């Protein structure tokens, strides 16, 4: 149970982290590019 929940949270965090990069860094890259 704990392991499964941990994996799920990691997946969610990863998705949110990537989304943040795409939104934040993506905007910066677009302006710089």
Protein backbone atom coordinates (compact mmCIF):
# COMPACT_ATOMS: atom_id res chain seq x y z
CA UNK A 1 0.00 0.00 0.00
CA UNK A 2 2.61 2.52 1.10
CA UNK A 3 4.84 1.64 -1.86
CA UNK A 4 1.97 2.00 -4.32
CA UNK A 5 0.95 5.35 -2.88
CA UNK A 6 4.56 6.51 -2.96
CA UNK A 7 4.88 5.56 -6.63
CA UNK A 8 1.61 7.33 -7.46
CA UNK A 9 2.72 10.49 -5.68
CA UNK A 10 6.04 10.37 -7.50
CA UNK A 11 4.25 10.05 -10.85
CA UNK A 12 1.96 12.97 -10.02
CA UNK A 13 4.89 15.07 -8.83
CA UNK A 14 6.84 14.21 -11.98
CA UNK A 15 3.92 15.20 -14.20
CA UNK A 16 3.41 18.45 -12.29
CA UNK A 17 7.16 19.12 -12.33
CA UNK A 18 7.35 18.59 -16.09
CA UNK A 19 4.25 20.71 -16.61
CA UNK A 20 5.88 23.49 -14.57
CA UNK A 21 9.02 23.30 -16.69
CA UNK A 22 7.03 23.35 -19.93
CA UNK A 23 5.06 26.37 -18.72
CA UNK A 24 7.86 28.32 -17.01
CA UNK A 25 10.96 27.35 -18.97
CA UNK A 26 8.89 27.01 -22.14
CA UNK A 27 7.89 30.67 -21.96
CA UNK A 28 11.48 31.76 -21.29
CA UNK A 29 12.82 29.60 -24.12
CA UNK A 30 10.17 31.00 -26.46
CA UNK A 31 11.15 34.58 -25.62
CA UNK A 32 14.86 33.82 -25.85
CA UNK A 33 14.43 31.76 -29.03
